[in-house]
PDB file of N, CA and C in Angstrom:
ATOM      1  N   MET A   1    -157.896 204.699  -7.786  1.00  0.00           N
ATOM      2  CA  MET A   1    -158.336 205.862  -7.040  1.00  0.00           C
ATOM      3  C   MET A   1    -158.843 206.955  -7.979  1.00  0.00           C
ATOM      4  N   SER A   2    -158.219 207.063  -9.169  1.00  0.00           N
ATOM      5  CA  SER A   2    -158.654 208.114 -10.081  1.00  0.00           C
ATOM      6  C   SER A   2    -160.105 207.921 -10.502  1.00  0.00           C
ATOM      7  N   ALA A   3    -160.559 206.671 -10.617  1.00  0.00           N
ATOM      8  CA  ALA A   3    -161.949 206.406 -11.003  1.00  0.00           C
ATOM      9  C   ALA A   3    -162.926 206.950  -9.976  1.00  0.00           C
ATOM     10  N   SER A   4    -162.568 206.905  -8.711  1.00  0.00           N
ATOM     11  CA  SER A   4    -163.472 207.395  -7.665  1.00  0.00           C
ATOM     12  C   SER A   4    -163.661 208.911  -7.736  1.00  0.00           C
ATOM     13  N   PHE A   5    -162.735 209.602  -8.393  1.00  0.00           N
ATOM     14  CA  PHE A   5    -162.860 211.063  -8.556  1.00  0.00           C
ATOM     15  C   PHE A   5    -163.244 211.436  -9.985  1.00  0.00           C
ATOM     16  N   ASN A   6    -163.509 210.410 -10.805  1.00  0.00           N
ATOM     17  CA  ASN A   6    -163.920 210.603 -12.182  1.00  0.00           C
ATOM     18  C   ASN A   6    -162.880 211.389 -13.001  1.00  0.00           C
ATOM     19  N   VAL A   7    -161.636 211.019 -12.859  1.00  0.00           N
ATOM     20  CA  VAL A   7    -160.546 211.625 -13.629  1.00  0.00           C
ATOM     21  C   VAL A   7    -159.690 210.519 -14.231  1.00  0.00           C
ATOM     22  N   ASN A   8    -158.910 210.876 -15.222  1.00  0.00           N
ATOM     23  CA  ASN A   8    -157.940 209.945 -15.801  1.00  0.00           C
ATOM     24  C   ASN A   8    -156.571 210.240 -15.208  1.00  0.00           C
ATOM     25  N   ALA A   9    -155.826 209.197 -14.965  1.00  0.00           N
ATOM     26  CA  ALA A   9    -154.484 209.386 -14.404  1.00  0.00           C
ATOM     27  C   ALA A   9    -153.542 208.363 -15.011  1.00  0.00           C
ATOM     28  N   ASP A  10    -152.330 208.794 -15.283  1.00  0.00           N
ATOM     29  CA  ASP A  10    -151.262 207.891 -15.721  1.00  0.00           C
ATOM     30  C   ASP A  10    -150.256 207.788 -14.592  1.00  0.00           C
ATOM     31  N   LEU A  11    -149.817 206.576 -14.332  1.00  0.00           N
ATOM     32  CA  LEU A  11    -148.837 206.348 -13.279  1.00  0.00           C
ATOM     33  C   LEU A  11    -147.527 205.901 -13.911  1.00  0.00           C
ATOM     34  N   GLU A  12    -146.475 206.628 -13.625  1.00  0.00           N
ATOM     35  CA  GLU A  12    -145.146 206.257 -14.103  1.00  0.00           C
ATOM     36  C   GLU A  12    -144.256 206.058 -12.883  1.00  0.00           C
ATOM     37  N   ILE A  13    -143.755 204.847 -12.713  1.00  0.00           N
ATOM     38  CA  ILE A  13    -142.873 204.558 -11.586  1.00  0.00           C
ATOM     39  C   ILE A  13    -141.448 204.824 -12.032  1.00  0.00           C
ATOM     40  N   MET A  14    -140.777 205.717 -11.306  1.00  0.00           N
ATOM     41  CA  MET A  14    -139.389 206.043 -11.618  1.00  0.00           C
ATOM     42  C   MET A  14    -138.518 205.471 -10.507  1.00  0.00           C
ATOM     43  N   TYR A  15    -137.692 204.532 -10.873  1.00  0.00           N
ATOM     44  CA  TYR A  15    -136.819 203.915  -9.884  1.00  0.00           C
ATOM     45  C   TYR A  15    -135.606 204.809  -9.669  1.00  0.00           C
ATOM     46  N   GLY A  16    -135.213 204.944  -8.416  1.00  0.00           N
ATOM     47  CA  GLY A  16    -134.097 205.813  -8.064  1.00  0.00           C
ATOM     48  C   GLY A  16    -132.818 205.024  -7.881  1.00  0.00           C
ATOM     49  N   TYR A  17    -132.085 205.405  -6.882  1.00  0.00           N
ATOM     50  CA  TYR A  17    -130.799 204.796  -6.605  1.00  0.00           C
ATOM     51  C   TYR A  17    -130.959 203.346  -6.152  1.00  0.00           C
ATOM     52  N   PRO A  18    -129.969 202.512  -6.458  1.00  0.00           N
ATOM     53  CA  PRO A  18    -130.019 201.144  -5.937  1.00  0.00           C
ATOM     54  C   PRO A  18    -129.793 201.132  -4.425  1.00  0.00           C
ATOM     55  N   SER A  19    -130.117 200.019  -3.799  1.00  0.00           N
ATOM     56  CA  SER A  19    -129.910 199.895  -2.354  1.00  0.00           C
ATOM     57  C   SER A  19    -128.435 200.029  -2.020  1.00  0.00           C
ATOM     58  N   MET A  20    -128.157 200.649  -0.878  1.00  0.00           N
ATOM     59  CA  MET A  20    -126.789 200.818  -0.388  1.00  0.00           C
ATOM     60  C   MET A  20    -126.514 199.678   0.582  1.00  0.00           C
ATOM     61  N   LYS A  21    -125.775 198.677   0.135  1.00  0.00           N
ATOM     62  CA  LYS A  21    -125.504 197.509   0.968  1.00  0.00           C
ATOM     63  C   LYS A  21    -124.003 197.406   1.206  1.00  0.00           C
ATOM     64  N   ASN A  22    -123.596 197.628   2.449  1.00  0.00           N
ATOM     65  CA  ASN A  22    -122.183 197.529   2.799  1.00  0.00           C
ATOM     66  C   ASN A  22    -121.672 196.104   2.641  1.00  0.00           C
ATOM     67  N   ASP A  23    -120.411 195.991   2.262  1.00  0.00           N
ATOM     68  CA  ASP A  23    -119.715 194.712   2.308  1.00  0.00           C
ATOM     69  C   ASP A  23    -119.351 194.480   3.774  1.00  0.00           C
ATOM     70  N   HIS A  24    -119.933 193.449   4.394  1.00  0.00           N
ATOM     71  CA  HIS A  24    -119.780 193.263   5.842  1.00  0.00           C
ATOM     72  C   HIS A  24    -118.330 193.002   6.261  1.00  0.00           C
ATOM     73  N   ALA A  25    -117.590 192.245   5.472  1.00  0.00           N
ATOM     74  CA  ALA A  25    -116.188 191.970   5.819  1.00  0.00           C
ATOM     75  C   ALA A  25    -115.374 193.264   5.793  1.00  0.00           C
ATOM     76  N   LEU A  26    -115.611 194.099   4.797  1.00  0.00           N
ATOM     77  CA  LEU A  26    -114.876 195.362   4.697  1.00  0.00           C
ATOM     78  C   LEU A  26    -115.297 196.325   5.806  1.00  0.00           C
ATOM     79  N   LEU A  27    -116.577 196.354   6.122  1.00  0.00           N
ATOM     80  CA  LEU A  27    -117.047 197.207   7.211  1.00  0.00           C
ATOM     81  C   LEU A  27    -116.433 196.767   8.542  1.00  0.00           C
ATOM     82  N   ASP A  28    -116.401 195.462   8.804  1.00  0.00           N
ATOM     83  CA  ASP A  28    -115.769 194.955  10.028  1.00  0.00           C
ATOM     84  C   ASP A  28    -114.299 195.354  10.081  1.00  0.00           C
ATOM     85  N   TYR A  29    -113.621 195.275   8.946  1.00  0.00           N
ATOM     86  CA  TYR A  29    -112.208 195.663   8.862  1.00  0.00           C
ATOM     87  C   TYR A  29    -112.029 197.137   9.238  1.00  0.00           C
ATOM     88  N   VAL A  30    -112.847 198.015   8.670  1.00  0.00           N
ATOM     89  CA  VAL A  30    -112.742 199.450   8.951  1.00  0.00           C
ATOM     90  C   VAL A  30    -113.025 199.726  10.431  1.00  0.00           C
ATOM     91  N   VAL A  31    -114.071 199.126  10.967  1.00  0.00           N
ATOM     92  CA  VAL A  31    -114.421 199.333  12.375  1.00  0.00           C
ATOM     93  C   VAL A  31    -113.304 198.841  13.288  1.00  0.00           C
ATOM     94  N   ASP A  32    -112.748 197.674  13.003  1.00  0.00           N
ATOM     95  CA  ASP A  32    -111.650 197.141  13.811  1.00  0.00           C
ATOM     96  C   ASP A  32    -110.443 198.068  13.795  1.00  0.00           C
ATOM     97  N   ASN A  33    -110.118 198.624  12.631  1.00  0.00           N
ATOM     98  CA  ASN A  33    -108.990 199.555  12.517  1.00  0.00           C
ATOM     99  C   ASN A  33    -109.191 200.782  13.387  1.00  0.00           C
ATOM    100  N   VAL A  34    -110.395 201.295  13.386  1.00  0.00           N
ATOM    101  CA  VAL A  34    -110.691 202.503  14.159  1.00  0.00           C
ATOM    102  C   VAL A  34    -110.662 202.199  15.653  1.00  0.00           C
ATOM    103  N   ARG A  35    -111.209 201.075  16.039  1.00  0.00           N
ATOM    104  CA  ARG A  35    -111.262 200.739  17.464  1.00  0.00           C
ATOM    105  C   ARG A  35    -109.875 200.477  18.042  1.00  0.00           C
ATOM    106  N   GLU A  36    -108.947 199.999  17.226  1.00  0.00           N
ATOM    107  CA  GLU A  36    -107.613 199.635  17.719  1.00  0.00           C
ATOM    108  C   GLU A  36    -106.854 200.808  18.300  1.00  0.00           C
ATOM    109  N   ASP A  37    -106.764 201.904  17.534  1.00  0.00           N
ATOM    110  CA  ASP A  37    -105.838 202.935  17.978  1.00  0.00           C
ATOM    111  C   ASP A  37    -106.108 204.250  17.250  1.00  0.00           C
ATOM    112  N   ALA A  38    -107.324 204.737  17.388  1.00  0.00           N
ATOM    113  CA  ALA A  38    -107.690 205.965  16.699  1.00  0.00           C
ATOM    114  C   ALA A  38    -107.596 207.162  17.638  1.00  0.00           C
ATOM    115  N   ALA A  39    -106.924 208.197  17.182  1.00  0.00           N
ATOM    116  CA  ALA A  39    -106.745 209.401  17.998  1.00  0.00           C
ATOM    117  C   ALA A  39    -107.980 210.305  17.952  1.00  0.00           C
ATOM    118  N   PHE A  40    -108.617 210.410  16.802  1.00  0.00           N
ATOM    119  CA  PHE A  40    -109.705 211.367  16.644  1.00  0.00           C
ATOM    120  C   PHE A  40    -111.096 210.737  16.736  1.00  0.00           C
ATOM    121  N   VAL A  41    -111.160 209.421  16.818  1.00  0.00           N
ATOM    122  CA  VAL A  41    -112.455 208.747  16.868  1.00  0.00           C
ATOM    123  C   VAL A  41    -112.779 208.429  18.316  1.00  0.00           C
ATOM    124  N   SER A  42    -113.886 208.995  18.801  1.00  0.00           N
ATOM    125  CA  SER A  42    -114.225 208.802  20.212  1.00  0.00           C
ATOM    126  C   SER A  42    -115.043 207.541  20.446  1.00  0.00           C
ATOM    127  N   GLY A  43    -115.605 206.972  19.401  1.00  0.00           N
ATOM    128  CA  GLY A  43    -116.392 205.756  19.569  1.00  0.00           C
ATOM    129  C   GLY A  43    -117.000 205.329  18.253  1.00  0.00           C
ATOM    130  N   VAL A  44    -117.501 204.116  18.240  1.00  0.00           N
ATOM    131  CA  VAL A  44    -118.143 203.574  17.051  1.00  0.00           C
ATOM    132  C   VAL A  44    -119.573 203.225  17.434  1.00  0.00           C
ATOM    133  N   GLU A  45    -120.513 203.685  16.649  1.00  0.00           N
ATOM    134  CA  GLU A  45    -121.928 203.444  16.914  1.00  0.00           C
ATOM    135  C   GLU A  45    -122.575 202.868  15.658  1.00  0.00           C
ATOM    136  N   GLU A  46    -123.289 201.770  15.819  1.00  0.00           N
ATOM    137  CA  GLU A  46    -123.970 201.171  14.674  1.00  0.00           C
ATOM    138  C   GLU A  46    -125.265 201.932  14.402  1.00  0.00           C
ATOM    139  N   VAL A  47    -125.498 202.219  13.126  1.00  0.00           N
ATOM    140  CA  VAL A  47    -126.707 202.912  12.710  1.00  0.00           C
ATOM    141  C   VAL A  47    -127.538 201.929  11.897  1.00  0.00           C
ATOM    142  N   GLY A  48    -128.808 201.867  12.180  1.00  0.00           N
ATOM    143  CA  GLY A  48    -129.694 200.936  11.480  1.00  0.00           C
ATOM    144  C   GLY A  48    -129.975 201.363  10.052  1.00  0.00           C
ATOM    145  N   PRO A  49    -130.731 200.539   9.348  1.00  0.00           N
ATOM    146  CA  PRO A  49    -131.077 200.838   7.949  1.00  0.00           C
ATOM    147  C   PRO A  49    -131.832 202.159   7.825  1.00  0.00           C
ATOM    148  N   ALA A  50    -131.640 202.806   6.693  1.00  0.00           N
ATOM    149  CA  ALA A  50    -132.326 204.067   6.409  1.00  0.00           C
ATOM    150  C   ALA A  50    -132.830 204.026   4.970  1.00  0.00           C
ATOM    151  N   MET A  51    -133.763 204.877   4.656  1.00  0.00           N
ATOM    152  CA  MET A  51    -134.352 204.867   3.319  1.00  0.00           C
ATOM    153  C   MET A  51    -133.781 205.949   2.398  1.00  0.00           C
ATOM    154  N   GLY A  52    -132.732 206.628   2.795  1.00  0.00           N
ATOM    155  CA  GLY A  52    -132.146 207.667   1.956  1.00  0.00           C
ATOM    156  C   GLY A  52    -131.475 207.095   0.723  1.00  0.00           C
ATOM    157  N   GLY A  53    -131.289 207.914  -0.286  1.00  0.00           N
ATOM    158  CA  GLY A  53    -130.567 207.514  -1.486  1.00  0.00           C
ATOM    159  C   GLY A  53    -129.139 208.024  -1.423  1.00  0.00           C
ATOM    160  N   GLU A  54    -128.232 207.316  -2.055  1.00  0.00           N
ATOM    161  CA  GLU A  54    -126.827 207.715  -1.989  1.00  0.00           C
ATOM    162  C   GLU A  54    -126.113 207.286  -3.266  1.00  0.00           C
ATOM    163  N   ASP A  55    -125.360 208.227  -3.886  1.00  0.00           N
ATOM    164  CA  ASP A  55    -124.591 207.925  -5.089  1.00  0.00           C
ATOM    165  C   ASP A  55    -123.619 206.768  -4.878  1.00  0.00           C
ATOM    166  N   PHE A  56    -123.126 206.639  -3.663  1.00  0.00           N
ATOM    167  CA  PHE A  56    -122.136 205.606  -3.348  1.00  0.00           C
ATOM    168  C   PHE A  56    -122.659 204.210  -3.686  1.00  0.00           C
ATOM    169  N   SER A  57    -123.979 204.040  -3.706  1.00  0.00           N
ATOM    170  CA  SER A  57    -124.552 202.726  -4.009  1.00  0.00           C
ATOM    171  C   SER A  57    -124.150 202.247  -5.405  1.00  0.00           C
ATOM    172  N   TYR A  58    -123.908 203.171  -6.329  1.00  0.00           N
ATOM    173  CA  TYR A  58    -123.456 202.772  -7.668  1.00  0.00           C
ATOM    174  C   TYR A  58    -122.020 202.241  -7.627  1.00  0.00           C
ATOM    175  N   PHE A  59    -121.166 202.853  -6.828  1.00  0.00           N
ATOM    176  CA  PHE A  59    -119.776 202.404  -6.730  1.00  0.00           C
ATOM    177  C   PHE A  59    -119.696 200.986  -6.193  1.00  0.00           C
ATOM    178  N   ILE A  60    -120.474 200.694  -5.150  1.00  0.00           N
ATOM    179  CA  ILE A  60    -120.353 199.377  -4.529  1.00  0.00           C
ATOM    180  C   ILE A  60    -121.062 198.283  -5.316  1.00  0.00           C
ATOM    181  N   GLN A  61    -121.689 198.649  -6.408  1.00  0.00           N
ATOM    182  CA  GLN A  61    -122.169 197.622  -7.324  1.00  0.00           C
ATOM    183  C   GLN A  61    -121.002 197.063  -8.135  1.00  0.00           C
ATOM    184  N   GLU A  62    -119.946 197.847  -8.261  1.00  0.00           N
ATOM    185  CA  GLU A  62    -118.782 197.443  -9.052  1.00  0.00           C
ATOM    186  C   GLU A  62    -117.657 196.849  -8.210  1.00  0.00           C
ATOM    187  N   LYS A  63    -117.440 197.388  -7.033  1.00  0.00           N
ATOM    188  CA  LYS A  63    -116.361 196.954  -6.130  1.00  0.00           C
ATOM    189  C   LYS A  63    -116.881 196.926  -4.705  1.00  0.00           C
ATOM    190  N   PRO A  64    -116.349 196.032  -3.863  1.00  0.00           N
ATOM    191  CA  PRO A  64    -116.782 196.015  -2.456  1.00  0.00           C
ATOM    192  C   PRO A  64    -116.469 197.349  -1.779  1.00  0.00           C
ATOM    193  N   GLY A  65    -117.332 197.769  -0.899  1.00  0.00           N
ATOM    194  CA  GLY A  65    -117.128 199.016  -0.182  1.00  0.00           C
ATOM    195  C   GLY A  65    -118.005 199.070   1.052  1.00  0.00           C
ATOM    196  N   CYS A  66    -117.805 200.111   1.836  1.00  0.00           N
ATOM    197  CA  CYS A  66    -118.670 200.328   2.992  1.00  0.00           C
ATOM    198  C   CYS A  66    -118.841 201.822   3.209  1.00  0.00           C
ATOM    199  N   TYR A  67    -120.019 202.180   3.629  1.00  0.00           N
ATOM    200  CA  TYR A  67    -120.409 203.564   3.841  1.00  0.00           C
ATOM    201  C   TYR A  67    -120.521 203.783   5.339  1.00  0.00           C
ATOM    202  N   PHE A  68    -119.927 204.878   5.811  1.00  0.00           N
ATOM    203  CA  PHE A  68    -119.996 205.150   7.247  1.00  0.00           C
ATOM    204  C   PHE A  68    -120.071 206.653   7.481  1.00  0.00           C
ATOM    205  N   TYR A  69    -120.635 207.009   8.610  1.00  0.00           N
ATOM    206  CA  TYR A  69    -120.711 208.405   9.017  1.00  0.00           C
ATOM    207  C   TYR A  69    -119.465 208.759   9.818  1.00  0.00           C
ATOM    208  N   THR A  70    -119.105 210.040   9.809  1.00  0.00           N
ATOM    209  CA  THR A  70    -117.858 210.428  10.464  1.00  0.00           C
ATOM    210  C   THR A  70    -118.033 211.383  11.638  1.00  0.00           C
ATOM    211  N   GLY A  71    -119.245 211.677  12.022  1.00  0.00           N
ATOM    212  CA  GLY A  71    -119.447 212.496  13.218  1.00  0.00           C
ATOM    213  C   GLY A  71    -119.304 213.984  12.988  1.00  0.00           C
ATOM    214  N   VAL A  72    -119.876 214.496  11.919  1.00  0.00           N
ATOM    215  CA  VAL A  72    -119.773 215.933  11.648  1.00  0.00           C
ATOM    216  C   VAL A  72    -121.017 216.695  12.106  1.00  0.00           C
ATOM    217  N   SER A  73    -121.912 216.009  12.806  1.00  0.00           N
ATOM    218  CA  SER A  73    -123.085 216.673  13.376  1.00  0.00           C
ATOM    219  C   SER A  73    -122.765 217.057  14.817  1.00  0.00           C
ATOM    220  N   ASN A  74    -123.070 218.319  15.175  1.00  0.00           N
ATOM    221  CA  ASN A  74    -122.752 218.791  16.519  1.00  0.00           C
ATOM    222  C   ASN A  74    -123.753 219.882  16.898  1.00  0.00           C
ATOM    223  N   SER A  75    -124.676 219.548  17.799  1.00  0.00           N
ATOM    224  CA  SER A  75    -125.714 220.520  18.178  1.00  0.00           C
ATOM    225  C   SER A  75    -125.135 221.735  18.895  1.00  0.00           C
ATOM    226  N   GLU A  76    -124.022 221.578  19.612  1.00  0.00           N
ATOM    227  CA  GLU A  76    -123.411 222.715  20.307  1.00  0.00           C
ATOM    228  C   GLU A  76    -122.914 223.778  19.330  1.00  0.00           C
ATOM    229  N   LYS A  77    -122.551 223.375  18.127  1.00  0.00           N
ATOM    230  CA  LYS A  77    -122.079 224.311  17.110  1.00  0.00           C
ATOM    231  C   LYS A  77    -123.156 224.618  16.072  1.00  0.00           C
ATOM    232  N   LYS A  78    -124.397 224.213  16.371  1.00  0.00           N
ATOM    233  CA  LYS A  78    -125.520 224.383  15.452  1.00  0.00           C
ATOM    234  C   LYS A  78    -125.238 223.739  14.097  1.00  0.00           C
ATOM    235  N   ALA A  79    -124.545 222.633  14.137  1.00  0.00           N
ATOM    236  CA  ALA A  79    -124.231 221.874  12.937  1.00  0.00           C
ATOM    237  C   ALA A  79    -124.975 220.542  12.986  1.00  0.00           C
ATOM    238  N   ASP A  80    -126.282 220.619  13.203  1.00  0.00           N
ATOM    239  CA  ASP A  80    -127.074 219.393  13.288  1.00  0.00           C
ATOM    240  C   ASP A  80    -128.358 219.489  12.467  1.00  0.00           C
ATOM    241  N   ILE A  81    -128.360 220.398  11.515  1.00  0.00           N
ATOM    242  CA  ILE A  81    -129.520 220.567  10.642  1.00  0.00           C
ATOM    243  C   ILE A  81    -129.403 219.560   9.498  1.00  0.00           C
ATOM    244  N   PRO A  82    -130.486 218.908   9.109  1.00  0.00           N
ATOM    245  CA  PRO A  82    -130.426 217.852   8.084  1.00  0.00           C
ATOM    246  C   PRO A  82    -129.855 218.342   6.751  1.00  0.00           C
ATOM    247  N   HIS A  83    -129.296 217.388   6.019  1.00  0.00           N
ATOM    248  CA  HIS A  83    -128.798 217.677   4.669  1.00  0.00           C
ATOM    249  C   HIS A  83    -129.905 218.277   3.814  1.00  0.00           C
ATOM    250  N   HIS A  84    -129.520 219.007   2.792  1.00  0.00           N
ATOM    251  CA  HIS A  84    -130.427 219.608   1.813  1.00  0.00           C
ATOM    252  C   HIS A  84    -131.280 220.742   2.398  1.00  0.00           C
ATOM    253  N   HIS A  85    -130.988 221.148   3.615  1.00  0.00           N
ATOM    254  CA  HIS A  85    -131.645 222.303   4.215  1.00  0.00           C
ATOM    255  C   HIS A  85    -130.734 223.516   3.965  1.00  0.00           C
ATOM    256  N   PRO A  86    -131.284 224.696   3.715  1.00  0.00           N
ATOM    257  CA  PRO A  86    -130.422 225.851   3.422  1.00  0.00           C
ATOM    258  C   PRO A  86    -129.455 226.217   4.547  1.00  0.00           C
ATOM    259  N   MET A  87    -129.768 225.817   5.783  1.00  0.00           N
ATOM    260  CA  MET A  87    -128.871 226.154   6.898  1.00  0.00           C
ATOM    261  C   MET A  87    -127.959 224.995   7.277  1.00  0.00           C
ATOM    262  N   PHE A  88    -127.909 223.955   6.446  1.00  0.00           N
ATOM    263  CA  PHE A  88    -127.060 222.799   6.739  1.00  0.00           C
ATOM    264  C   PHE A  88    -125.599 223.231   6.877  1.00  0.00           C
ATOM    265  N   ASP A  89    -124.936 222.674   7.872  1.00  0.00           N
ATOM    266  CA  ASP A  89    -123.516 222.928   8.097  1.00  0.00           C
ATOM    267  C   ASP A  89    -122.937 221.694   8.774  1.00  0.00           C
ATOM    268  N   ILE A  90    -121.626 221.596   8.790  1.00  0.00           N
ATOM    269  CA  ILE A  90    -120.970 220.487   9.477  1.00  0.00           C
ATOM    270  C   ILE A  90    -119.986 221.023  10.509  1.00  0.00           C
ATOM    271  N   ASP A  91    -119.698 220.200  11.492  1.00  0.00           N
ATOM    272  CA  ASP A  91    -118.637 220.495  12.446  1.00  0.00           C
ATOM    273  C   ASP A  91    -117.345 220.021  11.784  1.00  0.00           C
ATOM    274  N   GLU A  92    -116.540 220.950  11.332  1.00  0.00           N
ATOM    275  CA  GLU A  92    -115.330 220.589  10.596  1.00  0.00           C
ATOM    276  C   GLU A  92    -114.347 219.790  11.424  1.00  0.00           C
ATOM    277  N   ASP A  93    -114.438 219.862  12.745  1.00  0.00           N
ATOM    278  CA  ASP A  93    -113.581 219.019  13.583  1.00  0.00           C
ATOM    279  C   ASP A  93    -113.853 217.541  13.315  1.00  0.00           C
ATOM    280  N   GLY A  94    -115.087 217.228  12.953  1.00  0.00           N
ATOM    281  CA  GLY A  94    -115.446 215.850  12.652  1.00  0.00           C
ATOM    282  C   GLY A  94    -114.790 215.317  11.388  1.00  0.00           C
ATOM    283  N   MET A  95    -114.274 216.207  10.555  1.00  0.00           N
ATOM    284  CA  MET A  95    -113.601 215.766   9.331  1.00  0.00           C
ATOM    285  C   MET A  95    -112.338 214.984   9.658  1.00  0.00           C
ATOM    286  N   LYS A  96    -111.719 215.275  10.799  1.00  0.00           N
ATOM    287  CA  LYS A  96    -110.526 214.523  11.222  1.00  0.00           C
ATOM    288  C   LYS A  96    -110.860 213.042  11.372  1.00  0.00           C
ATOM    289  N   THR A  97    -112.056 212.765  11.861  1.00  0.00           N
ATOM    290  CA  THR A  97    -112.500 211.387  12.028  1.00  0.00           C
ATOM    291  C   THR A  97    -112.510 210.662  10.690  1.00  0.00           C
ATOM    292  N   GLY A  98    -113.087 211.301   9.685  1.00  0.00           N
ATOM    293  CA  GLY A  98    -113.161 210.693   8.359  1.00  0.00           C
ATOM    294  C   GLY A  98    -111.796 210.471   7.745  1.00  0.00           C
ATOM    295  N   VAL A  99    -110.927 211.472   7.846  1.00  0.00           N
ATOM    296  CA  VAL A  99    -109.587 211.355   7.281  1.00  0.00           C
ATOM    297  C   VAL A  99    -108.812 210.250   7.988  1.00  0.00           C
ATOM    298  N   GLU A 100    -108.870 210.237   9.321  1.00  0.00           N
ATOM    299  CA  GLU A 100    -108.143 209.203  10.061  1.00  0.00           C
ATOM    300  C   GLU A 100    -108.674 207.815   9.728  1.00  0.00           C
ATOM    301  N   THR A 101    -109.975 207.671   9.641  1.00  0.00           N
ATOM    302  CA  THR A 101    -110.574 206.374   9.336  1.00  0.00           C
ATOM    303  C   THR A 101    -110.115 205.875   7.972  1.00  0.00           C
ATOM    304  N   LEU A 102    -110.171 206.735   6.976  1.00  0.00           N
ATOM    305  CA  LEU A 102    -109.756 206.323   5.627  1.00  0.00           C
ATOM    306  C   LEU A 102    -108.261 206.021   5.554  1.00  0.00           C
ATOM    307  N   LEU A 103    -107.439 206.848   6.205  1.00  0.00           N
ATOM    308  CA  LEU A 103    -105.993 206.603   6.178  1.00  0.00           C
ATOM    309  C   LEU A 103    -105.634 205.281   6.853  1.00  0.00           C
ATOM    310  N   LYS A 104    -106.238 205.003   8.015  1.00  0.00           N
ATOM    311  CA  LYS A 104    -105.966 203.736   8.703  1.00  0.00           C
ATOM    312  C   LYS A 104    -106.381 202.546   7.843  1.00  0.00           C
ATOM    313  N   ALA A 105    -107.525 202.678   7.176  1.00  0.00           N
ATOM    314  CA  ALA A 105    -108.000 201.597   6.324  1.00  0.00           C
ATOM    315  C   ALA A 105    -107.049 201.343   5.152  1.00  0.00           C
ATOM    316  N   VAL A 106    -106.533 202.401   4.552  1.00  0.00           N
ATOM    317  CA  VAL A 106    -105.627 202.249   3.421  1.00  0.00           C
ATOM    318  C   VAL A 106    -104.271 201.728   3.863  1.00  0.00           C
ATOM    319  N   VAL A 107    -103.697 202.323   4.889  1.00  0.00           N
ATOM    320  CA  VAL A 107    -102.352 201.942   5.350  1.00  0.00           C
ATOM    321  C   VAL A 107    -102.308 200.490   5.812  1.00  0.00           C
ATOM    322  N   ASN A 108    -103.363 200.041   6.479  1.00  0.00           N
ATOM    323  CA  ASN A 108    -103.382 198.680   7.033  1.00  0.00           C
ATOM    324  C   ASN A 108    -104.015 197.655   6.111  1.00  0.00           C
ATOM    325  N   PHE A 109    -104.386 198.040   4.899  1.00  0.00           N
ATOM    326  CA  PHE A 109    -105.155 197.140   4.024  1.00  0.00           C
ATOM    327  C   PHE A 109    -104.414 195.842   3.701  1.00  0.00           C
ATOM    328  N   ASP A 110    -103.136 195.907   3.436  1.00  0.00           N
ATOM    329  CA  ASP A 110    -102.375 194.699   3.109  1.00  0.00           C
ATOM    330  C   ASP A 110    -102.171 193.788   4.306  1.00  0.00           C
ATOM    331  N   LYS A 111    -102.399 194.293   5.531  1.00  0.00           N
ATOM    332  CA  LYS A 111    -102.190 193.521   6.743  1.00  0.00           C
ATOM    333  C   LYS A 111    -103.408 192.676   7.130  1.00  0.00           C
ATOM    334  N   ARG A 112    -104.524 192.818   6.398  1.00  0.00           N
ATOM    335  CA  ARG A 112    -105.727 192.091   6.805  1.00  0.00           C
ATOM    336  C   ARG A 112    -105.668 190.640   6.469  1.00  0.00           C
TER     337      ARG A 112
END
């Protein structure tokens, strides 16, 4: 394309974060734990693939893991603005979901 504008251009491809690929067995385990008897989790919804980058992808290159959302977006509280926006905020009530999910996963881990 640079030739069509009579300019010189150098192209440097910079690779970013690796793909974030959940361990399916571990993800199924976490979802099952939440569905069984969760007080703060109102439901489980599958989210399709996304093109965002995430530091967590480096961790799961070393050990199995799974990434999940915890429901901290809430339009009624104006906590639904995308990340990295200056007005970004979370619904702190949704933090209970994350804590409960992680605690259930840890406490029941030996029972799987």
